[in-house]
Protein backbone atom coordinates (compact mmCIF):
# COMPACT_ATOMS: atom_id res chain seq x y z
CA UNK A 1 0.00 0.00 0.00
CA UNK A 2 1.15 3.52 -0.75
CA UNK A 3 2.14 5.77 2.14
CA UNK A 4 1.67 9.54 2.14
CA UNK A 5 3.71 11.47 4.69
CA UNK A 6 2.48 14.84 5.91
CA UNK A 7 -0.49 16.40 7.70
CA UNK A 8 -4.07 17.10 6.55
CA UNK A 9 -3.60 20.82 7.19
CA UNK A 10 -0.97 20.93 4.44
CA UNK A 11 -2.44 22.03 1.13
CA UNK A 12 0.07 20.01 -1.01
CA UNK A 13 -0.68 16.94 1.13
CA UNK A 14 -4.43 17.38 0.55
CA UNK A 15 -3.99 17.75 -3.22
CA UNK A 16 -2.29 14.34 -3.41
CA UNK A 17 -4.69 12.71 -0.94
CA UNK A 18 -7.66 13.98 -2.95
CA UNK A 19 -6.27 12.53 -6.18
CA UNK A 20 -5.72 9.17 -4.51
CA UNK A 21 -9.29 9.16 -3.20
CA UNK A 22 -10.77 10.20 -6.55
CA UNK A 23 -9.08 7.18 -8.14
CA UNK A 24 -9.98 4.93 -5.18
CA UNK A 25 -6.33 4.09 -4.62
CA UNK A 26 -5.78 2.99 -0.99
CA UNK A 27 -3.03 4.71 0.97
CA UNK A 28 -1.87 5.17 4.53
CA UNK A 29 -1.40 8.68 5.88
CA UNK A 30 1.75 8.94 8.01
CA UNK A 31 1.76 12.03 10.21
CA UNK A 32 4.87 14.10 9.55
CA UNK A 33 4.98 17.53 11.15
CA UNK A 34 6.59 20.29 9.07
CA UNK A 35 9.46 22.33 10.57
CA UNK A 36 9.97 19.84 13.43
CA UNK A 37 13.56 18.63 13.81
CA UNK A 38 13.90 16.93 17.20
CA UNK A 39 11.29 14.19 16.73
CA UNK A 40 11.31 11.21 14.30
CA UNK A 41 7.91 12.33 12.97
CA UNK A 42 9.26 15.78 12.07
CA UNK A 43 10.05 16.76 8.48
CA UNK A 44 13.43 18.19 9.46
CA UNK A 45 14.49 15.04 11.32
CA UNK A 46 17.30 13.02 9.75
CA UNK A 47 15.13 9.89 9.50
CA UNK A 48 12.79 11.78 7.15
CA UNK A 49 15.33 13.75 5.11
CA UNK A 50 17.50 10.70 4.42
CA UNK A 51 14.76 8.96 2.42
CA UNK A 52 14.98 11.07 -0.73
CA UNK A 53 17.89 11.91 -3.00
CA UNK A 54 17.07 15.56 -2.51
CA UNK A 55 17.28 15.19 1.30
CA UNK A 56 14.16 17.29 1.33
CA UNK A 57 12.33 18.43 4.44
CA UNK A 58 9.16 19.17 2.46
CA UNK A 59 5.83 17.47 2.84
CA UNK A 60 4.16 15.54 1.40
CA UNK A 61 6.37 12.59 0.62
CA UNK A 62 5.04 9.55 -1.21
CA UNK A 63 6.36 6.06 -0.52
CA UNK A 64 5.69 3.46 -3.21
CA UNK A 65 7.48 0.32 -2.06
CA UNK A 66 11.14 1.29 -1.69
CA UNK A 67 10.68 4.43 -3.81
CA UNK A 68 10.31 7.83 -2.15
CA UNK A 69 9.25 11.04 -3.87
CA UNK A 70 8.71 14.62 -2.68
CA UNK A 71 7.09 17.73 -4.22
CA UNK A 72 3.35 17.42 -4.77
CA UNK A 73 3.33 18.22 -8.53
CA UNK A 74 5.98 15.54 -9.12
CA UNK A 75 4.04 13.08 -6.96
CA UNK A 76 0.81 13.73 -8.85
CA UNK A 77 2.52 13.35 -12.22
CA UNK A 78 4.15 10.10 -11.09
CA UNK A 79 0.85 8.67 -9.85
CA UNK A 80 -0.97 9.59 -13.06
CA UNK A 81 1.70 8.16 -15.34
CA UNK A 82 2.49 5.03 -13.33
CA UNK A 83 -1.16 4.12 -12.81
CA UNK A 84 -2.65 5.31 -16.08
CA UNK A 85 -4.76 8.15 -14.68
CA UNK A 86 -4.73 10.01 -17.97
CA UNK A 87 -8.08 11.65 -17.23
CA UNK A 88 -6.41 13.68 -14.46
CA UNK A 89 -3.32 14.52 -16.51
CA UNK A 90 -3.30 13.77 -20.23
CA UNK A 91 -1.56 11.42 -22.66
CA UNK A 92 2.17 12.01 -23.33
CA UNK A 93 2.66 14.66 -25.99
CA UNK A 94 -0.91 15.94 -25.74
CA UNK A 95 -1.78 19.63 -25.55
CA UNK A 96 -3.83 18.97 -22.41
CA UNK A 97 -0.79 17.56 -20.63
CA UNK A 98 1.36 20.45 -21.87
CA UNK A 99 -1.08 23.02 -20.46
CA UNK A 100 -1.33 21.18 -17.14
CA UNK A 101 2.48 21.09 -16.98
CA UNK A 102 2.53 24.81 -17.78
CA UNK A 103 0.22 25.55 -14.87
CA UNK A 104 2.22 23.38 -12.48
CA UNK A 105 5.46 25.17 -13.37
CA UNK A 106 3.72 28.48 -12.70
CA UNK A 107 2.16 27.11 -9.51
CA UNK A 108 5.51 27.14 -7.64
CA UNK A 109 5.92 30.90 -7.99
CA UNK A 110 2.21 31.58 -8.46
CA UNK A 111 -0.62 30.21 -6.37
CA UNK A 112 1.79 28.70 -3.83
CA UNK A 113 2.50 32.27 -2.76
CA UNK A 114 -0.98 32.63 -1.32
CA UNK A 115 0.08 30.27 1.48
CA UNK A 116 2.05 33.16 2.97
CA UNK A 117 -1.25 34.50 4.32
CA UNK A 118 -1.74 31.47 6.56
CA UNK A 119 1.83 30.71 7.67
CA UNK A 120 2.10 33.52 10.27
CA UNK A 121 -0.86 32.07 12.16
CA UNK A 122 0.41 28.48 12.24
CA UNK A 123 4.09 28.96 13.07
CA UNK A 124 4.70 29.21 16.85
CA UNK A 125 5.70 32.74 17.71
CA UNK A 126 4.59 34.03 14.32
CA UNK A 127 2.96 37.43 13.93
CA UNK A 128 -0.81 37.06 13.78
CA UNK A 129 -1.67 38.74 10.55
CA UNK A 130 -0.36 38.90 7.00
CA UNK A 131 1.57 41.98 5.96
CA UNK A 132 0.19 44.40 3.37
CA UNK A 133 2.85 43.21 0.92
CA UNK A 134 1.65 39.61 1.22
CA UNK A 135 -2.00 40.61 0.74
CA UNK A 136 -1.12 42.68 -2.30
CA UNK A 137 0.83 39.79 -3.80
CA UNK A 138 -2.05 37.37 -3.11
CA UNK A 139 -4.53 39.59 -4.93
CA UNK A 140 -2.17 39.93 -7.88
CA UNK A 141 -2.06 36.15 -8.15
CA UNK A 142 -5.84 35.90 -7.83
CA UNK A 143 -6.30 38.42 -10.65
CA UNK A 144 -3.97 36.35 -12.85
CA UNK A 145 -5.94 33.22 -12.03
CA UNK A 146 -9.29 34.99 -12.57
CA UNK A 147 -8.49 36.49 -15.97
CA UNK A 148 -5.88 34.03 -17.23
CA UNK A 149 -5.99 30.42 -16.16
CA UNK A 150 -9.77 30.29 -15.72
CA UNK A 151 -11.38 30.71 -19.13
CA UNK A 152 -15.08 31.71 -19.29
CA UNK A 153 -15.84 28.87 -21.71
CA UNK A 154 -14.10 26.17 -19.66
CA UNK A 155 -15.13 24.63 -16.35
CA UNK A 156 -11.62 23.93 -15.09
CA UNK A 157 -8.08 25.22 -15.48
CA UNK A 158 -7.49 23.07 -18.56
CA UNK A 159 -10.72 22.32 -20.40
CA UNK A 160 -13.95 20.94 -19.03
CA UNK A 161 -12.54 18.04 -17.02
CA UNK A 162 -10.86 18.24 -13.63
CA UNK A 163 -7.10 17.72 -13.56
CA UNK A 164 -4.23 17.63 -11.10
CA UNK A 165 -3.76 21.35 -11.84
CA UNK A 166 -7.17 22.03 -10.30
CA UNK A 167 -6.37 19.96 -7.21
CA UNK A 168 -3.12 21.83 -6.60
CA UNK A 169 -4.68 25.23 -7.19
CA UNK A 170 -7.83 24.66 -5.16
CA UNK A 171 -5.96 23.65 -2.03
CA UNK A 172 -3.90 26.84 -2.01
CA UNK A 173 -7.02 29.00 -2.23
CA UNK A 174 -8.98 26.90 0.26
CA UNK A 175 -6.22 27.26 2.85
CA UNK A 176 -6.75 31.03 2.99
CA UNK A 177 -10.44 31.33 2.13
CA UNK A 178 -11.74 28.62 4.49
CA UNK A 179 -9.78 30.14 7.37
CA UNK A 180 -11.19 33.60 6.64
CA UNK A 181 -7.91 35.23 5.65
CA UNK A 182 -8.90 36.32 2.15
CA UNK A 183 -12.14 37.47 0.57
CA UNK A 184 -12.89 36.12 -2.90
CA UNK A 185 -16.00 38.25 -3.49
CA UNK A 186 -14.30 40.22 -6.27
CA UNK A 187 -13.41 37.08 -8.21
CA UNK A 188 -16.59 35.55 -9.71
CA UNK A 189 -14.75 33.12 -12.00
CA UNK A 190 -12.73 31.77 -9.08
CA UNK A 191 -15.86 31.45 -6.96
CA UNK A 192 -17.70 29.50 -9.66
CA UNK A 193 -14.71 27.24 -10.22
CA UNK A 194 -14.34 26.60 -6.49
CA UNK A 195 -18.01 25.67 -6.27
CA UNK A 196 -17.49 23.10 -9.02
CA UNK A 197 -14.48 21.72 -7.16
CA UNK A 198 -16.52 21.43 -3.99
CA UNK A 199 -18.97 19.17 -5.80
CA UNK A 200 -16.24 16.61 -6.47
CA UNK A 201 -16.31 13.28 -4.60
CA UNK A 202 -14.56 13.17 -1.22
CA UNK A 203 -14.47 16.97 -0.85
CA UNK A 204 -15.92 16.84 2.68
CA UNK A 205 -13.58 14.09 3.87
CA UNK A 206 -10.45 15.75 2.48
CA UNK A 207 -11.26 19.11 4.08
CA UNK A 208 -12.56 17.93 7.43
CA UNK A 209 -9.32 18.95 9.15
CA UNK A 210 -9.35 22.44 7.66
CA UNK A 211 -12.99 22.91 8.63
CA UNK A 212 -12.21 21.73 12.17
CA UNK A 213 -9.43 24.30 12.43
CA UNK A 214 -11.94 27.02 11.66
CA UNK A 215 -11.39 30.73 11.15
CA UNK A 216 -7.95 32.14 11.84
CA UNK A 217 -9.15 35.67 11.15
CA UNK A 218 -11.05 35.77 14.46
CA UNK A 219 -9.82 35.46 18.02
CA UNK A 220 -10.17 32.07 19.66
CA UNK A 221 -9.77 31.21 23.33
CA UNK A 222 -8.56 27.71 22.56
CA UNK A 223 -4.74 27.40 22.39
CA UNK A 224 -3.40 27.03 18.86
CA UNK A 225 -1.67 23.73 19.61
CA UNK A 226 -4.96 22.21 20.74
CA UNK A 227 -6.72 23.47 17.61
CA UNK A 228 -3.99 22.06 15.38
CA UNK A 229 -4.09 18.68 17.12
CA UNK A 230 -7.89 18.49 16.87
CA UNK A 231 -7.78 19.48 13.20
CA UNK A 232 -5.09 16.91 12.40
CA UNK A 233 -7.04 14.17 14.16
CA UNK A 234 -10.23 15.10 12.32
CA UNK A 235 -8.41 15.26 8.99
CA UNK A 236 -6.94 11.80 9.43
CA UNK A 237 -10.34 10.44 10.42
CA UNK A 238 -11.82 11.95 7.28
CA UNK A 239 -9.26 10.22 5.06
CA UNK A 240 -9.89 6.89 6.80
CA UNK A 241 -13.65 7.32 6.42
CA UNK A 242 -13.26 8.06 2.72
CA UNK A 243 -11.33 4.83 2.17
CA UNK A 244 -13.69 2.66 4.21
CA UNK A 245 -15.83 1.98 1.17
CA UNK A 246 -12.97 0.98 -1.11
CA UNK A 247 -13.02 -2.64 -2.24
CA UNK A 248 -9.43 -3.75 -1.69
CA UNK A 249 -9.59 -6.43 -4.34
CA UNK A 250 -10.66 -3.97 -7.04
CA UNK A 251 -8.71 -0.92 -5.96
CA UNK A 252 -5.95 -1.21 -8.54
CA UNK A 253 -8.30 -1.75 -11.46
CA UNK A 254 -10.52 1.09 -10.27
CA UNK A 255 -7.52 3.40 -10.07
CA UNK A 256 -6.86 2.98 -13.80
CA UNK A 257 -10.35 3.90 -14.99
């Protein structure tokens, strides 16, 4: 069985988990806490970093037998190509695949930047509130997504079928919008696209942890560590619940449909 290292509050982790669930491919979530160095379950611990050639401390990390892979776009591409999920990616040499690749290359310096709005709230000792520069940058990226990547005659980032580009992009926006840190009212195309994404199977289960965390834009009497622990526990439970209906004997064939 595949193993996915990370935490449900990580947007790259959720993008991979969602793809696995959509294709009914069983996996085990292995809690790996980002930025933690002094515990074996931390992403900066030597036992984690030593598993990849890149010695990366990023999450998620996918384990497929004795093979380890980091970086969510690379993981998603590997899963699609190794398991024949061409509906989520596109055949080799196709224009659909080329456009999805184009988005994913932009994603690193594009939509990933919106995560800077949430990070100050989740890092111990961080300043509670994004700086004006970060908000300005986030809205620049949203405008580019609104008027560029989302075409009025297409339902998703590349055409009328969901792809791994949509999964990656949605999670970055959900991280800030579901925690109340950014208002998307001025972006009707993004709102419509997000509504379509939220109709996809397993949406509720994948985002149970984020919903449990709740709003970060409002004061909360509960200590942050307790909120993070409760959200992580709920997120893991959601992933287990989603897989409960998988038929183990048919999981591999289902994953190739």
